[in-house]
Amino acid sequence: MKILVIGDFHGTLPNRFLNLIKKEHVELVISLGDYLPFHYRKIWFKHCYGKDVELWEVIGKKKYKQIIIKDLKYGEVVLKKLNDLGIPIYTVLGNIDYPLVDDVADFPKKKNDSMPGEVKDFLRVLNKYKNIKRFDYSYLRFKDYIFIGMRGHSSQGDPSSKNYKKSKEKLSKLFKRFRKQNRDNKVIFVSHNVPYNTKLDKIGKKAHKLVRGRHAGSKLTRAIIQKYKPVLALGGHIHENVGKVKLGNTIVINPGSAHENKAVILDLESNKYKIRFVK
């Protein structure tokens, strides 16, 4: 059984992957999210990174909404291409897909806080495509494999927070439910972000000066891998660190960014995991 692991599209799905899926007889696509381009990256870093302020509070809701609509149009092109493949697409949300961040840290509710609605806007678009099934903090089954997922953020997460602990418990319940399958190496853990503090999550020198050189992986992803030891863990987010590492008994794979023509073909046959990086 061949699986294409792909993510970090940022508004682009090169046709080479559509051809590759047909040529390799891929049966399932595991998507790590980040469908949208993040057109507003520069102004977000300028005004919001490390600060308790939302971009729409800086530039105004009208201008912000225009940016969101532009991002959604590009993201929907990717979603439609994936959906039209006619095979199952299993996906988690990435940090650019407007996920709520109330799963890895506690955030005080601002007085008179209100959102322009981008979370609902993206999910409304995603839900149009019936071959694409979302499974963050849930699971999906394909043949005799179980895929357990969580969404991802730029935040490493705060292990002392109530929301982090609640999310960890949700994932723990899923791994306990599929304890037997996990012992048989049939459980694959999927997160948008790779685990914290490995060679896969260190931000490179070409990144924005505010983040370069930092470890930006997920502490929750790491905690789950270390506790439950799934045979494989799939994550992306850090574009420059394509590759694989061993974290305990788990092989962690970062396929790289689809918009940079990178992905992974997983060939799962008789508990032998063949990993081929597409570059």
Protein backbone atom coordinates (compact mmCIF):
# COMPACT_ATOMS: atom_id res chain seq x y z
CA MET A 1 0.00 0.00 0.00
CA LYS A 2 1.44 3.33 -1.06
CA ILE A 3 0.69 6.59 0.73
CA LEU A 4 1.68 10.11 -0.33
CA VAL A 5 2.61 12.27 2.67
CA ILE A 6 2.45 15.91 1.70
CA GLY A 7 1.84 19.29 3.31
CA ASP A 8 2.75 22.96 3.52
CA PHE A 9 1.15 23.72 0.15
CA HIS A 10 0.85 27.47 0.74
CA GLY A 11 -1.49 27.93 -2.19
CA THR A 12 0.25 25.56 -4.63
CA LEU A 13 -0.05 21.90 -5.57
CA PRO A 14 2.41 21.20 -8.42
CA ASN A 15 1.05 18.94 -11.14
CA ARG A 16 3.99 16.59 -10.70
CA PHE A 17 2.30 15.22 -7.58
CA LEU A 18 -0.95 14.57 -9.43
CA ASN A 19 1.04 12.59 -12.01
CA LEU A 20 3.04 10.84 -9.30
CA ILE A 21 -0.11 9.64 -7.54
CA LYS A 22 -1.32 7.97 -10.73
CA LYS A 23 2.08 6.55 -11.69
CA GLU A 24 2.78 5.09 -8.24
CA HIS A 25 -0.81 3.87 -7.73
CA VAL A 26 -1.08 5.80 -4.46
CA GLU A 27 -4.13 4.70 -2.49
CA LEU A 28 -4.19 7.36 0.24
CA VAL A 29 -2.93 10.90 0.73
CA ILE A 30 -1.99 12.06 4.22
CA SER A 31 -2.01 15.86 4.24
CA LEU A 32 -0.23 17.81 6.96
CA GLY A 33 -2.18 21.00 6.24
CA ASP A 34 -1.14 24.59 5.58
CA TYR A 35 -3.20 25.00 2.43
CA LEU A 36 -3.19 28.79 2.43
CA PRO A 37 -0.41 31.06 1.07
CA PHE A 38 0.04 33.32 4.15
CA HIS A 39 0.19 36.42 1.94
CA TYR A 40 0.37 38.63 5.01
CA ARG A 41 3.48 36.96 6.48
CA LYS A 42 5.70 40.07 6.47
CA ILE A 43 3.20 42.40 8.07
CA TRP A 44 2.23 39.74 10.62
CA PHE A 45 5.85 39.35 11.72
CA LYS A 46 6.24 43.12 11.82
CA HIS A 47 3.19 43.85 13.94
CA CYS A 48 2.17 40.65 15.75
CA TYR A 49 4.97 38.17 16.34
CA GLY A 50 5.63 37.87 20.07
CA LYS A 51 3.00 40.48 20.86
CA ASP A 52 -0.47 40.27 22.36
CA VAL A 53 -2.16 41.83 19.34
CA GLU A 54 -4.10 40.48 16.37
CA LEU A 55 -3.29 41.68 12.86
CA TRP A 56 -6.84 42.87 12.26
CA GLU A 57 -6.47 45.14 15.28
CA VAL A 58 -3.52 46.81 13.53
CA ILE A 59 -4.70 47.08 9.92
CA GLY A 60 -8.45 47.07 10.44
CA LYS A 61 -11.03 44.36 9.89
CA LYS A 62 -11.92 45.45 6.35
CA LYS A 63 -8.36 45.20 5.02
CA TYR A 64 -7.77 42.02 7.01
CA LYS A 65 -10.88 40.42 5.54
CA GLN A 66 -9.66 41.21 2.01
CA ILE A 67 -6.38 39.41 2.78
CA ILE A 68 -8.25 36.39 4.16
CA ILE A 69 -10.48 36.14 1.08
CA LYS A 70 -7.40 36.18 -1.17
CA ASP A 71 -5.75 33.45 0.91
CA LEU A 72 -8.89 31.30 0.84
CA LYS A 73 -9.12 31.45 -2.96
CA TYR A 74 -5.58 30.11 -3.34
CA GLY A 75 -6.13 27.47 -0.68
CA GLU A 76 -9.32 26.26 -2.30
CA VAL A 77 -7.48 25.61 -5.57
CA VAL A 78 -5.31 23.11 -3.69
CA LEU A 79 -8.28 21.51 -1.93
CA LYS A 80 -10.16 21.07 -5.19
CA LYS A 81 -7.17 19.43 -6.90
CA LEU A 82 -6.80 16.99 -4.02
CA ASN A 83 -10.50 16.22 -3.88
CA ASP A 84 -10.63 15.56 -7.63
CA LEU A 85 -8.05 12.77 -7.31
CA GLY A 86 -10.89 10.46 -6.32
CA ILE A 87 -8.92 8.78 -3.51
CA PRO A 88 -9.18 9.44 0.24
CA ILE A 89 -7.37 12.52 1.53
CA TYR A 90 -6.85 12.48 5.31
CA THR A 91 -5.88 15.86 6.71
CA VAL A 92 -5.04 17.76 9.86
CA LEU A 93 -5.05 21.55 10.07
CA GLY A 94 -1.84 23.54 9.84
CA ASN A 95 -1.02 26.79 11.58
CA ILE A 96 -1.92 28.82 8.47
CA ASP A 97 -5.34 27.15 8.14
CA TYR A 98 -6.75 29.36 10.90
CA PRO A 99 -6.98 26.66 13.56
CA LEU A 100 -7.98 27.76 17.02
CA VAL A 101 -4.93 27.74 19.28
CA ASP A 102 -6.87 26.75 22.38
CA ASP A 103 -5.46 23.22 22.34
CA VAL A 104 -1.86 23.86 23.40
CA ALA A 105 -1.97 26.94 25.64
CA ASP A 106 -4.32 29.09 27.73
CA PHE A 107 -5.13 32.54 26.42
CA PRO A 108 -7.01 35.17 28.41
CA LYS A 109 -10.15 36.43 26.68
CA LYS A 110 -9.63 40.02 25.64
CA LYS A 111 -12.24 42.56 26.56
CA ASN A 112 -14.43 43.29 23.51
CA ASP A 113 -12.51 40.64 21.58
CA SER A 114 -14.12 39.54 18.33
CA MET A 115 -12.78 37.66 15.32
CA PRO A 116 -13.50 38.40 11.65
CA GLY A 117 -14.60 34.79 11.19
CA GLU A 118 -11.69 33.29 9.28
CA VAL A 119 -11.88 30.00 11.21
CA LYS A 120 -15.44 29.38 10.04
CA ASP A 121 -14.59 30.65 6.55
CA PHE A 122 -11.84 28.08 6.07
CA LEU A 123 -13.84 25.18 7.50
CA ARG A 124 -16.77 26.11 5.26
CA VAL A 125 -14.47 25.77 2.24
CA LEU A 126 -12.87 22.55 3.51
CA ASN A 127 -16.22 20.90 4.21
CA LYS A 128 -17.27 21.29 0.57
CA TYR A 129 -14.86 18.55 -0.50
CA LYS A 130 -16.14 15.12 0.47
CA ASN A 131 -12.98 13.14 -0.36
CA ILE A 132 -11.06 15.21 2.20
CA LYS A 133 -11.55 14.07 5.79
CA ARG A 134 -10.19 15.98 8.75
CA PHE A 135 -9.00 14.07 11.83
CA ASP A 136 -7.21 16.36 14.27
CA TYR A 137 -7.85 15.04 17.81
CA SER A 138 -9.61 12.11 16.21
CA TYR A 139 -8.70 9.08 14.13
CA LEU A 140 -9.31 7.58 10.73
CA ARG A 141 -8.87 4.01 9.62
CA PHE A 142 -7.51 2.85 6.27
CA LYS A 143 -7.32 -0.89 5.71
CA ASP A 144 -5.70 -2.21 8.91
CA TYR A 145 -3.91 1.05 9.81
CA ILE A 146 -5.07 3.64 12.31
CA PHE A 147 -4.14 7.30 11.83
CA ILE A 148 -4.34 9.52 14.93
CA GLY A 149 -4.06 13.26 14.30
CA MET A 150 -3.60 16.63 15.93
CA ARG A 151 -3.50 20.11 14.47
CA GLY A 152 -0.44 22.31 14.57
CA HIS A 153 0.73 25.80 15.41
CA SER A 154 3.80 27.98 15.40
CA SER A 155 3.59 27.84 19.20
CA GLN A 156 5.59 25.11 20.91
CA GLY A 157 2.79 24.75 23.44
CA ASP A 158 2.67 25.23 27.20
CA PRO A 159 2.70 21.88 29.06
CA SER A 160 1.53 23.58 32.27
CA SER A 161 -1.64 24.97 30.67
CA LYS A 162 -5.11 23.48 31.10
CA ASN A 163 -5.72 23.32 27.35
CA TYR A 164 -2.46 21.48 26.69
CA LYS A 165 -3.34 18.92 29.36
CA LYS A 166 -6.85 18.47 27.93
CA SER A 167 -5.46 17.91 24.43
CA LYS A 168 -2.88 15.46 25.73
CA GLU A 169 -5.66 13.51 27.42
CA LYS A 170 -7.70 13.40 24.19
CA LEU A 171 -4.75 11.94 22.32
CA SER A 172 -3.97 9.55 25.17
CA LYS A 173 -7.50 8.15 25.04
CA LEU A 174 -7.12 7.48 21.33
CA PHE A 175 -3.80 5.68 21.77
CA LYS A 176 -5.23 3.62 24.62
CA ARG A 177 -8.25 2.74 22.50
CA PHE A 178 -5.94 1.37 19.81
CA ARG A 179 -3.37 -0.15 22.14
CA LYS A 180 -3.36 -3.50 20.35
CA GLN A 181 -2.94 -1.93 16.91
CA ASN A 182 -0.12 0.21 18.28
CA ARG A 183 1.68 -2.88 19.60
CA ASP A 184 1.30 -4.38 16.12
CA ASN A 185 2.89 -1.26 14.53
CA LYS A 186 -0.39 -0.29 12.86
CA VAL A 187 -0.82 3.17 14.40
CA ILE A 188 0.62 6.24 12.65
CA PHE A 189 0.63 9.60 14.42
CA VAL A 190 0.06 12.70 12.27
CA SER A 191 0.60 16.32 13.30
CA HIS A 192 1.15 19.45 11.26
CA ASN A 193 4.28 20.18 13.29
CA VAL A 194 7.23 17.91 14.03
CA PRO A 195 8.21 17.17 17.65
CA TYR A 196 10.14 19.75 19.65
CA ASN A 197 13.94 19.70 19.92
CA THR A 198 15.22 17.45 17.14
CA LYS A 199 17.17 18.26 13.99
CA LEU A 200 13.81 18.42 12.16
CA ASP A 201 12.48 21.47 14.02
CA LYS A 202 15.46 23.84 14.13
CA ILE A 203 14.70 26.94 12.08
CA GLY A 204 17.30 27.77 9.43
CA LYS A 205 19.37 30.85 8.74
CA LYS A 206 17.15 32.02 5.88
CA ALA A 207 14.10 32.37 8.13
CA HIS A 208 12.86 35.62 9.63
CA LYS A 209 15.42 37.05 12.04
CA LEU A 210 12.97 36.81 14.94
CA VAL A 211 12.81 33.02 14.73
CA ARG A 212 15.95 31.73 13.02
CA GLY A 213 17.99 29.23 14.99
CA ARG A 214 15.16 28.35 17.36
CA HIS A 215 13.58 24.96 17.89
CA ALA A 216 9.98 25.46 16.82
CA GLY A 217 8.50 21.98 17.07
CA SER A 218 5.54 20.88 19.14
CA LYS A 219 6.06 19.85 22.76
CA LEU A 220 2.74 18.00 22.71
CA THR A 221 3.76 16.02 19.62
CA ARG A 222 7.00 15.03 21.33
CA ALA A 223 5.26 14.05 24.58
CA ILE A 224 2.81 11.77 22.76
CA ILE A 225 5.54 10.10 20.71
CA GLN A 226 7.69 9.46 23.77
CA LYS A 227 4.81 8.02 25.78
CA TYR A 228 3.07 5.85 23.19
CA LYS A 229 5.89 5.06 20.74
CA PRO A 230 3.95 4.78 17.47
CA VAL A 231 5.92 3.18 14.67
CA LEU A 232 5.74 6.34 12.53
CA ALA A 233 5.08 10.02 13.19
CA LEU A 234 4.48 12.42 10.32
CA GLY A 235 4.89 16.19 10.60
CA GLY A 236 6.01 19.22 8.66
CA HIS A 237 5.84 23.00 9.30
CA ILE A 238 9.63 23.50 9.26
CA HIS A 239 10.19 23.57 5.49
CA GLU A 240 13.98 23.46 5.41
CA ASN A 241 14.39 20.34 7.55
CA VAL A 242 13.37 17.57 5.18
CA GLY A 243 14.35 14.19 6.54
CA LYS A 244 13.77 11.58 9.22
CA VAL A 245 14.96 10.96 12.78
CA LYS A 246 14.47 8.29 15.41
CA LEU A 247 12.78 9.49 18.60
CA GLY A 248 12.95 6.43 20.81
CA ASN A 249 11.43 3.65 18.71
CA THR A 250 9.48 6.03 16.47
CA ILE A 251 10.58 7.11 13.02
CA VAL A 252 9.68 10.79 12.62
CA ILE A 253 9.36 12.06 9.05
CA ASN A 254 9.29 15.62 7.73
CA PRO A 255 8.44 15.43 3.99
CA GLY A 256 9.18 19.07 3.30
CA SER A 257 6.95 21.60 1.59
CA ALA A 258 4.72 20.77 -1.38
CA HIS A 259 5.15 24.25 -2.83
CA GLU A 260 8.87 23.49 -2.98
CA ASN A 261 8.12 20.22 -4.83
CA LYS A 262 8.81 17.98 -1.83
CA ALA A 263 6.84 15.08 -0.35
CA VAL A 264 7.25 11.46 0.76
CA ILE A 265 6.03 8.16 -0.64
CA LEU A 266 5.40 5.61 2.11
CA ASP A 267 5.20 1.99 1.04
CA LEU A 268 3.62 -0.08 3.81
CA GLU A 269 3.92 -3.78 3.15
CA SER A 270 4.06 -6.56 5.77
CA ASN A 271 5.26 -4.14 8.48
CA LYS A 272 8.16 -3.04 6.31
CA TYR A 273 8.15 0.73 5.96
CA LYS A 274 9.83 1.98 2.82
CA ILE A 275 10.32 5.75 2.90
CA ARG A 276 11.13 7.59 -0.31
CA PHE A 277 11.64 11.35 -0.34
CA VAL A 278 10.34 13.09 -3.45
CA LYS A 279 12.47 16.10 -4.37
